[in-house]
Amino acid sequence: MNRIEPNILLAASTGVALVLLVMTAAMFGEPGNTAKYVISAVVCTVLFVALNGWMARVMNRPEPRAMISAATPSTAVWAGLFPLLVIAAAVAPVFLPGHDYGLLIIIAAVWFGVTLDSALRANRR
């Protein structure tokens, strides 16, 4: 059996954390924003993944690489902060109910886009 690629696990765990954030924001946040939260999360993630490589070329940045590499095992620990921070953000609507959490969802969606882009780049090599 092949080993599961760690960048895919990172993207999956960050994606689950983003779903948790959207659910808690829809449940405890300002009423009537559920569709906005879901659409924002999907659109921001897709746009980040689609445009990240293009923006790197336009701005003459180095080509983005996978976040976790076997050569440097400590990258796995640092990359593990992404789902941890998104889960911590999912706690905010529970303790501060009734607010609009759209910006928080957009930030978390971009972080998920970073991990998803990393998983896609890891599969290309």
PDB file of N, CA and C in Angstrom:
ATOM      1  N   MET A   1       0.843  -1.184   0.000  1.00  0.00           N
ATOM      2  CA  MET A   1       0.000   0.000   0.000  1.00  0.00           C
ATOM      3  C   MET A   1       0.885   1.243   0.000  1.00  0.00           C
ATOM      4  N   ASN A   2       0.552   2.196  -0.843  1.00  0.00           N
ATOM      5  CA  ASN A   2       1.337   3.422  -0.932  1.00  0.00           C
ATOM      6  C   ASN A   2       1.052   4.341   0.240  1.00  0.00           C
ATOM      7  N   ARG A   3       2.034   5.138   0.541  1.00  0.00           N
ATOM      8  CA  ARG A   3       1.891   6.120   1.618  1.00  0.00           C
ATOM      9  C   ARG A   3       1.060   7.303   1.126  1.00  0.00           C
ATOM     10  N   ILE A   4       0.226   7.837   1.981  1.00  0.00           N
ATOM     11  CA  ILE A   4      -0.588   8.992   1.618  1.00  0.00           C
ATOM     12  C   ILE A   4       0.295  10.232   1.655  1.00  0.00           C
ATOM     13  N   GLU A   5       0.187  11.034   0.630  1.00  0.00           N
ATOM     14  CA  GLU A   5       1.007  12.242   0.522  1.00  0.00           C
ATOM     15  C   GLU A   5       0.628  13.227   1.627  1.00  0.00           C
ATOM     16  N   PRO A   6       1.597  13.765   2.393  1.00  0.00           N
ATOM     17  CA  PRO A   6       1.260  14.642   3.522  1.00  0.00           C
ATOM     18  C   PRO A   6       0.613  15.964   3.102  1.00  0.00           C
ATOM     19  N   ASN A   7       0.910  16.452   1.899  1.00  0.00           N
ATOM     20  CA  ASN A   7       0.276  17.692   1.452  1.00  0.00           C
ATOM     21  C   ASN A   7      -1.218  17.504   1.199  1.00  0.00           C
ATOM     22  N   ILE A   8      -1.587  16.297   0.766  1.00  0.00           N
ATOM     23  CA  ILE A   8      -3.015  16.001   0.581  1.00  0.00           C
ATOM     24  C   ILE A   8      -3.715  15.934   1.933  1.00  0.00           C
ATOM     25  N   LEU A   9      -3.066  15.330   2.920  1.00  0.00           N
ATOM     26  CA  LEU A   9      -3.644  15.289   4.269  1.00  0.00           C
ATOM     27  C   LEU A   9      -3.791  16.690   4.854  1.00  0.00           C
ATOM     28  N   LEU A  10      -2.814  17.542   4.590  1.00  0.00           N
ATOM     29  CA  LEU A  10      -2.887  18.924   5.063  1.00  0.00           C
ATOM     30  C   LEU A  10      -4.058  19.654   4.428  1.00  0.00           C
ATOM     31  N   ALA A  11      -4.224  19.496   3.126  1.00  0.00           N
ATOM     32  CA  ALA A  11      -5.341  20.144   2.432  1.00  0.00           C
ATOM     33  C   ALA A  11      -6.680  19.606   2.928  1.00  0.00           C
ATOM     34  N   ALA A  12      -6.754  18.302   3.143  1.00  0.00           N
ATOM     35  CA  ALA A  12      -8.014  17.713   3.623  1.00  0.00           C
ATOM     36  C   ALA A  12      -8.355  18.212   5.023  1.00  0.00           C
ATOM     37  N   SER A  13      -7.366  18.269   5.903  1.00  0.00           N
ATOM     38  CA  SER A  13      -7.652  18.720   7.270  1.00  0.00           C
ATOM     39  C   SER A  13      -8.005  20.208   7.301  1.00  0.00           C
ATOM     40  N   THR A  14      -7.370  21.008   6.464  1.00  0.00           N
ATOM     41  CA  THR A  14      -7.720  22.424   6.403  1.00  0.00           C
ATOM     42  C   THR A  14      -9.102  22.612   5.781  1.00  0.00           C
ATOM     43  N   GLY A  15      -9.446  21.779   4.816  1.00  0.00           N
ATOM     44  CA  GLY A  15     -10.777  21.838   4.218  1.00  0.00           C
ATOM     45  C   GLY A  15     -11.871  21.489   5.209  1.00  0.00           C
ATOM     46  N   VAL A  16     -11.631  20.467   6.027  1.00  0.00           N
ATOM     47  CA  VAL A  16     -12.604  20.101   7.066  1.00  0.00           C
ATOM     48  C   VAL A  16     -12.737  21.235   8.084  1.00  0.00           C
ATOM     49  N   ALA A  17     -11.618  21.860   8.432  1.00  0.00           N
ATOM     50  CA  ALA A  17     -11.661  22.986   9.365  1.00  0.00           C
ATOM     51  C   ALA A  17     -12.426  24.163   8.767  1.00  0.00           C
ATOM     52  N   LEU A  18     -12.279  24.396   7.461  1.00  0.00           N
ATOM     53  CA  LEU A  18     -13.030  25.473   6.799  1.00  0.00           C
ATOM     54  C   LEU A  18     -14.523  25.172   6.811  1.00  0.00           C
ATOM     55  N   VAL A  19     -14.891  23.932   6.577  1.00  0.00           N
ATOM     56  CA  VAL A  19     -16.307  23.548   6.644  1.00  0.00           C
ATOM     57  C   VAL A  19     -16.846  23.782   8.056  1.00  0.00           C
ATOM     58  N   LEU A  20     -16.043  23.442   9.056  1.00  0.00           N
ATOM     59  CA  LEU A  20     -16.446  23.688  10.443  1.00  0.00           C
ATOM     60  C   LEU A  20     -16.643  25.184  10.702  1.00  0.00           C
ATOM     61  N   LEU A  21     -15.753  26.000  10.181  1.00  0.00           N
ATOM     62  CA  LEU A  21     -15.878  27.454  10.342  1.00  0.00           C
ATOM     63  C   LEU A  21     -17.144  27.975   9.674  1.00  0.00           C
ATOM     64  N   VAL A  22     -17.422  27.517   8.468  1.00  0.00           N
ATOM     65  CA  VAL A  22     -18.636  27.960   7.761  1.00  0.00           C
ATOM     66  C   VAL A  22     -19.882  27.530   8.540  1.00  0.00           C
ATOM     67  N   MET A  23     -19.854  26.319   9.063  1.00  0.00           N
ATOM     68  CA  MET A  23     -21.020  25.835   9.812  1.00  0.00           C
ATOM     69  C   MET A  23     -21.235  26.618  11.100  1.00  0.00           C
ATOM     70  N   THR A  24     -20.170  26.882  11.855  1.00  0.00           N
ATOM     71  CA  THR A  24     -20.347  27.632  13.100  1.00  0.00           C
ATOM     72  C   THR A  24     -20.726  29.077  12.818  1.00  0.00           C
ATOM     73  N   ALA A  25     -20.185  29.661  11.746  1.00  0.00           N
ATOM     74  CA  ALA A  25     -20.557  31.034  11.403  1.00  0.00           C
ATOM     75  C   ALA A  25     -22.016  31.104  10.965  1.00  0.00           C
ATOM     76  N   ALA A  26     -22.466  30.098  10.229  1.00  0.00           N
ATOM     77  CA  ALA A  26     -23.869  30.079   9.804  1.00  0.00           C
ATOM     78  C   ALA A  26     -24.802  29.855  10.985  1.00  0.00           C
ATOM     79  N   MET A  27     -24.373  29.045  11.938  1.00  0.00           N
ATOM     80  CA  MET A  27     -25.219  28.727  13.086  1.00  0.00           C
ATOM     81  C   MET A  27     -25.261  29.860  14.104  1.00  0.00           C
ATOM     82  N   PHE A  28     -24.098  30.425  14.437  1.00  0.00           N
ATOM     83  CA  PHE A  28     -24.023  31.397  15.525  1.00  0.00           C
ATOM     84  C   PHE A  28     -23.837  32.832  15.042  1.00  0.00           C
ATOM     85  N   GLY A  29     -23.545  33.017  13.764  1.00  0.00           N
ATOM     86  CA  GLY A  29     -23.318  34.365  13.250  1.00  0.00           C
ATOM     87  C   GLY A  29     -24.613  35.098  12.964  1.00  0.00           C
ATOM     88  N   GLU A  30     -24.461  36.183  12.247  1.00  0.00           N
ATOM     89  CA  GLU A  30     -25.612  37.003  11.854  1.00  0.00           C
ATOM     90  C   GLU A  30     -26.564  36.156  11.007  1.00  0.00           C
ATOM     91  N   PRO A  31     -27.865  36.188  11.286  1.00  0.00           N
ATOM     92  CA  PRO A  31     -28.818  35.355  10.534  1.00  0.00           C
ATOM     93  C   PRO A  31     -28.908  35.749   9.057  1.00  0.00           C
ATOM     94  N   GLY A  32     -29.098  34.752   8.198  1.00  0.00           N
ATOM     95  CA  GLY A  32     -29.326  34.989   6.787  1.00  0.00           C
ATOM     96  C   GLY A  32     -28.072  35.058   5.930  1.00  0.00           C
ATOM     97  N   ASN A  33     -26.912  34.736   6.476  1.00  0.00           N
ATOM     98  CA  ASN A  33     -25.674  34.847   5.706  1.00  0.00           C
ATOM     99  C   ASN A  33     -25.103  33.504   5.280  1.00  0.00           C
ATOM    100  N   THR A  34     -25.838  32.437   5.419  1.00  0.00           N
ATOM    101  CA  THR A  34     -25.306  31.111   5.123  1.00  0.00           C
ATOM    102  C   THR A  34     -24.871  30.988   3.669  1.00  0.00           C
ATOM    103  N   ALA A  35     -25.692  31.420   2.749  1.00  0.00           N
ATOM    104  CA  ALA A  35     -25.340  31.326   1.325  1.00  0.00           C
ATOM    105  C   ALA A  35     -24.106  32.173   1.017  1.00  0.00           C
ATOM    106  N   LYS A  36     -24.033  33.347   1.611  1.00  0.00           N
ATOM    107  CA  LYS A  36     -22.871  34.217   1.395  1.00  0.00           C
ATOM    108  C   LYS A  36     -21.594  33.555   1.889  1.00  0.00           C
ATOM    109  N   TYR A  37     -21.669  32.890   3.036  1.00  0.00           N
ATOM    110  CA  TYR A  37     -20.499  32.221   3.595  1.00  0.00           C
ATOM    111  C   TYR A  37     -20.032  31.074   2.698  1.00  0.00           C
ATOM    112  N   VAL A  38     -20.961  30.266   2.238  1.00  0.00           N
ATOM    113  CA  VAL A  38     -20.605  29.121   1.399  1.00  0.00           C
ATOM    114  C   VAL A  38     -20.034  29.593   0.062  1.00  0.00           C
ATOM    115  N   ILE A  39     -20.695  30.566  -0.560  1.00  0.00           N
ATOM    116  CA  ILE A  39     -20.224  31.077  -1.852  1.00  0.00           C
ATOM    117  C   ILE A  39     -18.859  31.740  -1.699  1.00  0.00           C
ATOM    118  N   SER A  40     -18.665  32.504  -0.647  1.00  0.00           N
ATOM    119  CA  SER A  40     -17.365  33.157  -0.414  1.00  0.00           C
ATOM    120  C   SER A  40     -16.254  32.134  -0.245  1.00  0.00           C
ATOM    121  N   ALA A  41     -16.509  31.092   0.524  1.00  0.00           N
ATOM    122  CA  ALA A  41     -15.492  30.065   0.755  1.00  0.00           C
ATOM    123  C   ALA A  41     -15.105  29.364  -0.540  1.00  0.00           C
ATOM    124  N   VAL A  42     -16.088  29.002  -1.339  1.00  0.00           N
ATOM    125  CA  VAL A  42     -15.814  28.287  -2.582  1.00  0.00           C
ATOM    126  C   VAL A  42     -15.118  29.188  -3.591  1.00  0.00           C
ATOM    127  N   VAL A  43     -15.632  30.391  -3.794  1.00  0.00           N
ATOM    128  CA  VAL A  43     -15.070  31.294  -4.800  1.00  0.00           C
ATOM    129  C   VAL A  43     -13.645  31.709  -4.444  1.00  0.00           C
ATOM    130  N   CYS A  44     -13.403  32.050  -3.209  1.00  0.00           N
ATOM    131  CA  CYS A  44     -12.053  32.473  -2.808  1.00  0.00           C
ATOM    132  C   CYS A  44     -11.048  31.348  -2.949  1.00  0.00           C
ATOM    133  N   THR A  45     -11.440  30.141  -2.589  1.00  0.00           N
ATOM    134  CA  THR A  45     -10.537  29.002  -2.729  1.00  0.00           C
ATOM    135  C   THR A  45     -10.221  28.721  -4.190  1.00  0.00           C
ATOM    136  N   VAL A  46     -11.238  28.682  -5.026  1.00  0.00           N
ATOM    137  CA  VAL A  46     -11.041  28.386  -6.446  1.00  0.00           C
ATOM    138  C   VAL A  46     -10.204  29.477  -7.122  1.00  0.00           C
ATOM    139  N   LEU A  47     -10.497  30.730  -6.822  1.00  0.00           N
ATOM    140  CA  LEU A  47      -9.730  31.813  -7.435  1.00  0.00           C
ATOM    141  C   LEU A  47      -8.277  31.802  -6.993  1.00  0.00           C
ATOM    142  N   PHE A  48      -8.022  31.490  -5.726  1.00  0.00           N
ATOM    143  CA  PHE A  48      -6.632  31.442  -5.275  1.00  0.00           C
ATOM    144  C   PHE A  48      -5.864  30.348  -5.996  1.00  0.00           C
ATOM    145  N   VAL A  49      -6.440  29.159  -6.059  1.00  0.00           N
ATOM    146  CA  VAL A  49      -5.750  28.039  -6.708  1.00  0.00           C
ATOM    147  C   VAL A  49      -5.558  28.320  -8.195  1.00  0.00           C
ATOM    148  N   ALA A  50      -6.558  28.904  -8.828  1.00  0.00           N
ATOM    149  CA  ALA A  50      -6.475  29.167 -10.263  1.00  0.00           C
ATOM    150  C   ALA A  50      -5.475  30.270 -10.608  1.00  0.00           C
ATOM    151  N   LEU A  51      -5.361  31.284  -9.773  1.00  0.00           N
ATOM    152  CA  LEU A  51      -4.555  32.446 -10.120  1.00  0.00           C
ATOM    153  C   LEU A  51      -3.197  32.511  -9.437  1.00  0.00           C
ATOM    154  N   ASN A  52      -2.882  31.600  -8.524  1.00  0.00           N
ATOM    155  CA  ASN A  52      -1.624  31.688  -7.788  1.00  0.00           C
ATOM    156  C   ASN A  52      -0.411  31.531  -8.700  1.00  0.00           C
ATOM    157  N   GLY A  53      -0.411  30.536  -9.557  1.00  0.00           N
ATOM    158  CA  GLY A  53       0.716  30.336 -10.471  1.00  0.00           C
ATOM    159  C   GLY A  53       0.874  31.483 -11.448  1.00  0.00           C
ATOM    160  N   TRP A  54      -0.249  31.972 -11.951  1.00  0.00           N
ATOM    161  CA  TRP A  54      -0.207  33.096 -12.892  1.00  0.00           C
ATOM    162  C   TRP A  54       0.354  34.350 -12.226  1.00  0.00           C
ATOM    163  N   MET A  55      -0.097  34.637 -11.005  1.00  0.00           N
ATOM    164  CA  MET A  55       0.414  35.817 -10.291  1.00  0.00           C
ATOM    165  C   MET A  55       1.908  35.681  -9.991  1.00  0.00           C
ATOM    166  N   ALA A  56       2.361  34.474  -9.704  1.00  0.00           N
ATOM    167  CA  ALA A  56       3.787  34.258  -9.458  1.00  0.00           C
ATOM    168  C   ALA A  56       4.599  34.597 -10.704  1.00  0.00           C
ATOM    169  N   ARG A  57       4.102  34.203 -11.866  1.00  0.00           N
ATOM    170  CA  ARG A  57       4.814  34.525 -13.115  1.00  0.00           C
ATOM    171  C   ARG A  57       4.765  36.011 -13.422  1.00  0.00           C
ATOM    172  N   VAL A  58       3.629  36.642 -13.247  1.00  0.00           N
ATOM    173  CA  VAL A  58       3.481  38.065 -13.556  1.00  0.00           C
ATOM    174  C   VAL A  58       4.362  38.920 -12.647  1.00  0.00           C
ATOM    175  N   MET A  59       4.464  38.545 -11.381  1.00  0.00           N
ATOM    176  CA  MET A  59       5.241  39.333 -10.424  1.00  0.00           C
ATOM    177  C   MET A  59       6.697  38.871 -10.326  1.00  0.00           C
ATOM    178  N   ASN A  60       7.110  37.955 -11.225  1.00  0.00           N
ATOM    179  CA  ASN A  60       8.478  37.429 -11.253  1.00  0.00           C
ATOM    180  C   ASN A  60       8.905  36.823  -9.917  1.00  0.00           C
ATOM    181  N   ARG A  61       7.969  36.173  -9.267  1.00  0.00           N
ATOM    182  CA  ARG A  61       8.287  35.448  -8.040  1.00  0.00           C
ATOM    183  C   ARG A  61       8.726  34.035  -8.419  1.00  0.00           C
ATOM    184  N   PRO A  62       9.438  33.360  -7.525  1.00  0.00           N
ATOM    185  CA  PRO A  62       9.762  31.956  -7.814  1.00  0.00           C
ATOM    186  C   PRO A  62       8.484  31.115  -7.891  1.00  0.00           C
ATOM    187  N   GLU A  63       8.554  30.046  -8.641  1.00  0.00           N
ATOM    188  CA  GLU A  63       7.398  29.163  -8.779  1.00  0.00           C
ATOM    189  C   GLU A  63       7.025  28.582  -7.409  1.00  0.00           C
ATOM    190  N   PRO A  64       5.759  28.648  -7.007  1.00  0.00           N
ATOM    191  CA  PRO A  64       5.354  28.091  -5.706  1.00  0.00           C
ATOM    192  C   PRO A  64       5.637  26.587  -5.650  1.00  0.00           C
ATOM    193  N   ARG A  65       6.037  26.122  -4.473  1.00  0.00           N
ATOM    194  CA  ARG A  65       6.352  24.711  -4.276  1.00  0.00           C
ATOM    195  C   ARG A  65       5.413  24.118  -3.228  1.00  0.00           C
ATOM    196  N   ALA A  66       5.527  22.829  -3.045  1.00  0.00           N
ATOM    197  CA  ALA A  66       4.728  22.146  -2.032  1.00  0.00           C
ATOM    198  C   ALA A  66       5.176  22.598  -0.642  1.00  0.00           C
ATOM    199  N   MET A  67       4.245  22.683   0.291  1.00  0.00           N
ATOM    200  CA  MET A  67       4.560  23.168   1.636  1.00  0.00           C
ATOM    201  C   MET A  67       5.344  22.156   2.455  1.00  0.00           C
ATOM    202  N   ILE A  68       5.012  20.886   2.325  1.00  0.00           N
ATOM    203  CA  ILE A  68       5.669  19.847   3.109  1.00  0.00           C
ATOM    204  C   ILE A  68       6.580  19.048   2.184  1.00  0.00           C
ATOM    205  N   SER A  69       7.862  18.946   2.563  1.00  0.00           N
ATOM    206  CA  SER A  69       8.791  18.148   1.770  1.00  0.00           C
ATOM    207  C   SER A  69       9.498  17.152   2.679  1.00  0.00           C
ATOM    208  N   ALA A  70       9.885  16.035   2.092  1.00  0.00           N
ATOM    209  CA  ALA A  70      10.562  14.990   2.860  1.00  0.00           C
ATOM    210  C   ALA A  70      11.965  15.427   3.274  1.00  0.00           C
ATOM    211  N   ALA A  71      12.565  16.338   2.527  1.00  0.00           N
ATOM    212  CA  ALA A  71      13.918  16.792   2.840  1.00  0.00           C
ATOM    213  C   ALA A  71      13.976  17.586   4.141  1.00  0.00           C
ATOM    214  N   THR A  72      12.904  18.287   4.445  1.00  0.00           N
ATOM    215  CA  THR A  72      12.854  19.081   5.683  1.00  0.00           C
ATOM    216  C   THR A  72      11.593  18.695   6.465  1.00  0.00           C
ATOM    217  N   PRO A  73      11.701  17.747   7.384  1.00  0.00           N
ATOM    218  CA  PRO A  73      10.525  17.271   8.121  1.00  0.00           C
ATOM    219  C   PRO A  73       9.870  18.335   8.997  1.00  0.00           C
ATOM    220  N   SER A  74      10.605  19.367   9.381  1.00  0.00           N
ATOM    221  CA  SER A  74      10.006  20.397  10.233  1.00  0.00           C
ATOM    222  C   SER A  74       8.926  21.185   9.512  1.00  0.00           C
ATOM    223  N   THR A  75       8.902  21.134   8.175  1.00  0.00           N
ATOM    224  CA  THR A  75       7.852  21.846   7.439  1.00  0.00           C
ATOM    225  C   THR A  75       6.472  21.287   7.752  1.00  0.00           C
ATOM    226  N   ALA A  76       6.403  20.008   8.111  1.00  0.00           N
ATOM    227  CA  ALA A  76       5.110  19.408   8.457  1.00  0.00           C
ATOM    228  C   ALA A  76       4.538  20.029   9.720  1.00  0.00           C
ATOM    229  N   VAL A  77       5.419  20.315  10.672  1.00  0.00           N
ATOM    230  CA  VAL A  77       4.958  20.931  11.927  1.00  0.00           C
ATOM    231  C   VAL A  77       4.458  22.343  11.660  1.00  0.00           C
ATOM    232  N   TRP A  78       5.218  23.102  10.889  1.00  0.00           N
ATOM    233  CA  TRP A  78       4.802  24.473  10.586  1.00  0.00           C
ATOM    234  C   TRP A  78       3.537  24.509   9.736  1.00  0.00           C
ATOM    235  N   ALA A  79       3.430  23.601   8.792  1.00  0.00           N
ATOM    236  CA  ALA A  79       2.231  23.559   7.950  1.00  0.00           C
ATOM    237  C   ALA A  79       1.005  23.133   8.745  1.00  0.00           C
ATOM    238  N   GLY A  80       1.212  22.387   9.827  1.00  0.00           N
ATOM    239  CA  GLY A  80       0.097  21.985  10.671  1.00  0.00           C
ATOM    240  C   GLY A  80      -0.590  23.140  11.367  1.00  0.00           C
ATOM    241  N   LEU A  81       0.040  24.306  11.340  1.00  0.00           N
ATOM    242  CA  LEU A  81      -0.593  25.485  11.937  1.00  0.00           C
ATOM    243  C   LEU A  81      -1.786  25.977  11.127  1.00  0.00           C
ATOM    244  N   PHE A  82      -1.830  25.685   9.829  1.00  0.00           N
ATOM    245  CA  PHE A  82      -2.951  26.135   9.000  1.00  0.00           C
ATOM    246  C   PHE A  82      -4.283  25.583   9.496  1.00  0.00           C
ATOM    247  N   PRO A  83      -4.457  24.248   9.608  1.00  0.00           N
ATOM    248  CA  PRO A  83      -5.748  23.770  10.120  1.00  0.00           C
ATOM    249  C   PRO A  83      -5.991  24.167  11.569  1.00  0.00           C
ATOM    250  N   LEU A  84      -4.923  24.265  12.352  1.00  0.00           N
ATOM    251  CA  LEU A  84      -5.077  24.668  13.747  1.00  0.00           C
ATOM    252  C   LEU A  84      -5.646  26.083  13.851  1.00  0.00           C
ATOM    253  N   LEU A  85      -5.147  27.000  13.039  1.00  0.00           N
ATOM    254  CA  LEU A  85      -5.642  28.378  13.065  1.00  0.00           C
ATOM    255  C   LEU A  85      -7.071  28.485  12.533  1.00  0.00           C
ATOM    256  N   VAL A  86      -7.403  27.671  11.535  1.00  0.00           N
ATOM    257  CA  VAL A  86      -8.779  27.701  11.015  1.00  0.00           C
ATOM    258  C   VAL A  86      -9.744  27.127  12.053  1.00  0.00           C
ATOM    259  N   ILE A  87      -9.335  26.087  12.765  1.00  0.00           N
ATOM    260  CA  ILE A  87     -10.178  25.546  13.832  1.00  0.00           C
ATOM    261  C   ILE A  87     -10.336  26.572  14.950  1.00  0.00           C
ATOM    262  N   ALA A  88      -9.259  27.264  15.273  1.00  0.00           N
ATOM    263  CA  ALA A  88      -9.348  28.317  16.293  1.00  0.00           C
ATOM    264  C   ALA A  88     -10.283  29.429  15.834  1.00  0.00           C
ATOM    265  N   ALA A  89     -10.282  29.735  14.548  1.00  0.00           N
ATOM    266  CA  ALA A  89     -11.203  30.748  14.021  1.00  0.00           C
ATOM    267  C   ALA A  89     -12.647  30.266  14.093  1.00  0.00           C
ATOM    268  N   ALA A  90     -12.848  28.955  13.990  1.00  0.00           N
ATOM    269  CA  ALA A  90     -14.209  28.410  14.058  1.00  0.00           C
ATOM    270  C   ALA A  90     -14.811  28.535  15.455  1.00  0.00           C
ATOM    271  N   VAL A  91     -13.984  28.786  16.436  1.00  0.00           N
ATOM    272  CA  VAL A  91     -14.469  28.944  17.809  1.00  0.00           C
ATOM    273  C   VAL A  91     -15.057  30.345  18.022  1.00  0.00           C
ATOM    274  N   ALA A  92     -14.599  31.324  17.262  1.00  0.00           N
ATOM    275  CA  ALA A  92     -15.028  32.714  17.456  1.00  0.00           C
ATOM    276  C   ALA A  92     -16.545  32.896  17.387  1.00  0.00           C
ATOM    277  N   PRO A  93     -17.238  32.324  16.389  1.00  0.00           N
ATOM    278  CA  PRO A  93     -18.693  32.524  16.360  1.00  0.00           C
ATOM    279  C   PRO A  93     -19.427  31.935  17.564  1.00  0.00           C
ATOM    280  N   VAL A  94     -18.853  30.918  18.170  1.00  0.00           N
ATOM    281  CA  VAL A  94     -19.505  30.297  19.319  1.00  0.00           C
ATOM    282  C   VAL A  94     -19.483  31.238  20.520  1.00  0.00           C
ATOM    283  N   PHE A  95     -18.349  31.895  20.727  1.00  0.00           N
ATOM    284  CA  PHE A  95     -18.200  32.770  21.897  1.00  0.00           C
ATOM    285  C   PHE A  95     -18.610  34.216  21.632  1.00  0.00           C
ATOM    286  N   LEU A  96     -18.670  34.620  20.363  1.00  0.00           N
ATOM    287  CA  LEU A  96     -19.101  35.978  19.988  1.00  0.00           C
ATOM    288  C   LEU A  96     -20.223  35.883  18.957  1.00  0.00           C
ATOM    289  N   PRO A  97     -21.406  35.434  19.357  1.00  0.00           N
ATOM    290  CA  PRO A  97     -22.486  35.210  18.390  1.00  0.00           C
ATOM    291  C   PRO A  97     -23.098  36.513  17.886  1.00  0.00           C
ATOM    292  N   GLY A  98     -23.744  36.403  16.716  1.00  0.00           N
ATOM    293  CA  GLY A  98     -24.508  37.512  16.177  1.00  0.00           C
ATOM    294  C   GLY A  98     -23.749  38.464  15.272  1.00  0.00           C
ATOM    295  N   HIS A  99     -22.510  38.180  14.959  1.00  0.00           N
ATOM    296  CA  HIS A  99     -21.725  39.062  14.094  1.00  0.00           C
ATOM    297  C   HIS A  99     -21.602  38.462  12.695  1.00  0.00           C
ATOM    298  N   ASP A 100     -21.154  39.283  11.735  1.00  0.00           N
ATOM    299  CA  ASP A 100     -20.894  38.827  10.381  1.00  0.00           C
ATOM    300  C   ASP A 100     -19.449  38.324  10.322  1.00  0.00           C
ATOM    301  N   TYR A 101     -19.265  37.058   9.948  1.00  0.00           N
ATOM    302  CA  TYR A 101     -17.938  36.448   9.910  1.00  0.00           C
ATOM    303  C   TYR A 101     -17.456  36.215   8.483  1.00  0.00           C
ATOM    304  N   GLY A 102     -17.898  37.030   7.554  1.00  0.00           N
ATOM    305  CA  GLY A 102     -17.512  36.879   6.153  1.00  0.00           C
ATOM    306  C   GLY A 102     -16.021  37.044   5.923  1.00  0.00           C
ATOM    307  N   LEU A 103     -15.405  38.041   6.544  1.00  0.00           N
ATOM    308  CA  LEU A 103     -13.969  38.261   6.360  1.00  0.00           C
ATOM    309  C   LEU A 103     -13.160  37.093   6.923  1.00  0.00           C
ATOM    310  N   LEU A 104     -13.572  36.576   8.052  1.00  0.00           N
ATOM    311  CA  LEU A 104     -12.888  35.432   8.650  1.00  0.00           C
ATOM    312  C   LEU A 104     -12.966  34.213   7.730  1.00  0.00           C
ATOM    313  N   ILE A 105     -14.093  34.024   7.090  1.00  0.00           N
ATOM    314  CA  ILE A 105     -14.254  32.907   6.164  1.00  0.00           C
ATOM    315  C   ILE A 105     -13.401  33.111   4.920  1.00  0.00           C
ATOM    316  N   ILE A 106     -13.302  34.337   4.436  1.00  0.00           N
ATOM    317  CA  ILE A 106     -12.460  34.610   3.269  1.00  0.00           C
ATOM    318  C   ILE A 106     -10.988  34.330   3.594  1.00  0.00           C
ATOM    319  N   ILE A 107     -10.535  34.752   4.758  1.00  0.00           N
ATOM    320  CA  ILE A 107      -9.148  34.498   5.164  1.00  0.00           C
ATOM    321  C   ILE A 107      -8.888  32.994   5.262  1.00  0.00           C
ATOM    322  N   ALA A 108      -9.806  32.276   5.892  1.00  0.00           N
ATOM    323  CA  ALA A 108      -9.649  30.826   6.025  1.00  0.00           C
ATOM    324  C   ALA A 108      -9.713  30.132   4.661  1.00  0.00           C
ATOM    325  N   ALA A 109     -10.525  30.649   3.744  1.00  0.00           N
ATOM    326  CA  ALA A 109     -10.608  30.070   2.403  1.00  0.00           C
ATOM    327  C   ALA A 109      -9.300  30.261   1.644  1.00  0.00           C
ATOM    328  N   VAL A 110      -8.651  31.396   1.826  1.00  0.00           N
ATOM    329  CA  VAL A 110      -7.351  31.609   1.186  1.00  0.00           C
ATOM    330  C   VAL A 110      -6.319  30.654   1.778  1.00  0.00           C
ATOM    331  N   TRP A 111      -6.345  30.459   3.097  1.00  0.00           N
ATOM    332  CA  TRP A 111      -5.429  29.493   3.714  1.00  0.00           C
ATOM    333  C   TRP A 111      -5.687  28.085   3.181  1.00  0.00           C
ATOM    334  N   PHE A 112      -6.945  27.730   3.013  1.00  0.00           N
ATOM    335  CA  PHE A 112      -7.264  26.432   2.423  1.00  0.00           C
ATOM    336  C   PHE A 112      -6.777  26.378   0.979  1.00  0.00           C
ATOM    337  N   GLY A 113      -6.889  27.487   0.260  1.00  0.00           N
ATOM    338  CA  GLY A 113      -6.373  27.544  -1.103  1.00  0.00           C
ATOM    339  C   GLY A 113      -4.872  27.324  -1.155  1.00  0.00           C
ATOM    340  N   VAL A 114      -4.159  27.867  -0.181  1.00  0.00           N
ATOM    341  CA  VAL A 114      -2.705  27.656  -0.112  1.00  0.00           C
ATOM    342  C   VAL A 114      -2.394  26.171   0.060  1.00  0.00           C
ATOM    343  N   THR A 115      -3.091  25.510   0.968  1.00  0.00           N
ATOM    344  CA  THR A 115      -2.823  24.093   1.207  1.00  0.00           C
ATOM    345  C   THR A 115      -3.279  23.227   0.036  1.00  0.00           C
ATOM    346  N   LEU A 116      -4.381  23.603  -0.611  1.00  0.00           N
ATOM    347  CA  LEU A 116      -4.847  22.857  -1.773  1.00  0.00           C
ATOM    348  C   LEU A 116      -3.882  23.017  -2.939  1.00  0.00           C
ATOM    349  N   ASP A 117      -3.389  24.219  -3.153  1.00  0.00           N
ATOM    350  CA  ASP A 117      -2.399  24.465  -4.201  1.00  0.00           C
ATOM    351  C   ASP A 117      -1.123  23.666  -3.922  1.00  0.00           C
ATOM    352  N   SER A 118      -0.739  23.598  -2.658  1.00  0.00           N
ATOM    353  CA  SER A 118       0.433  22.814  -2.280  1.00  0.00           C
ATOM    354  C   SER A 118       0.231  21.334  -2.580  1.00  0.00           C
ATOM    355  N   ALA A 119      -0.952  20.820  -2.298  1.00  0.00           N
ATOM    356  CA  ALA A 119      -1.235  19.408  -2.577  1.00  0.00           C
ATOM    357  C   ALA A 119      -1.223  19.141  -4.080  1.00  0.00           C
ATOM    358  N   LEU A 120      -1.767  20.055  -4.858  1.00  0.00           N
ATOM    359  CA  LEU A 120      -1.762  19.880  -6.311  1.00  0.00           C
ATOM    360  C   LEU A 120      -0.343  19.921  -6.866  1.00  0.00           C
ATOM    361  N   ARG A 121       0.479  20.818  -6.346  1.00  0.00           N
ATOM    362  CA  ARG A 121       1.871  20.901  -6.821  1.00  0.00           C
ATOM    363  C   ARG A 121       2.677  19.691  -6.394  1.00  0.00           C
ATOM    364  N   ALA A 122       2.390  19.143  -5.217  1.00  0.00           N
ATOM    365  CA  ALA A 122       3.095  17.943  -4.761  1.00  0.00           C
ATOM    366  C   ALA A 122       2.758  16.736  -5.641  1.00  0.00           C
ATOM    367  N   ASN A 123       1.549  16.677  -6.145  1.00  0.00           N
ATOM    368  CA  ASN A 123       1.153  15.567  -7.016  1.00  0.00           C
ATOM    369  C   ASN A 123       1.745  15.700  -8.414  1.00  0.00           C
ATOM    370  N   ARG A 124       2.106  16.900  -8.837  1.00  0.00           N
ATOM    371  CA  ARG A 124       2.683  17.114 -10.163  1.00  0.00           C
ATOM    372  C   ARG A 124       4.124  16.623 -10.258  1.00  0.00           C
ATOM    373  N   ARG A 125       4.831  16.655  -9.149  1.00  0.00           N
ATOM    374  CA  ARG A 125       6.251  16.269  -9.225  1.00  0.00           C
ATOM    375  C   ARG A 125       6.444  14.799  -9.148  1.00  0.00           C
TER     376      ARG A 125
END
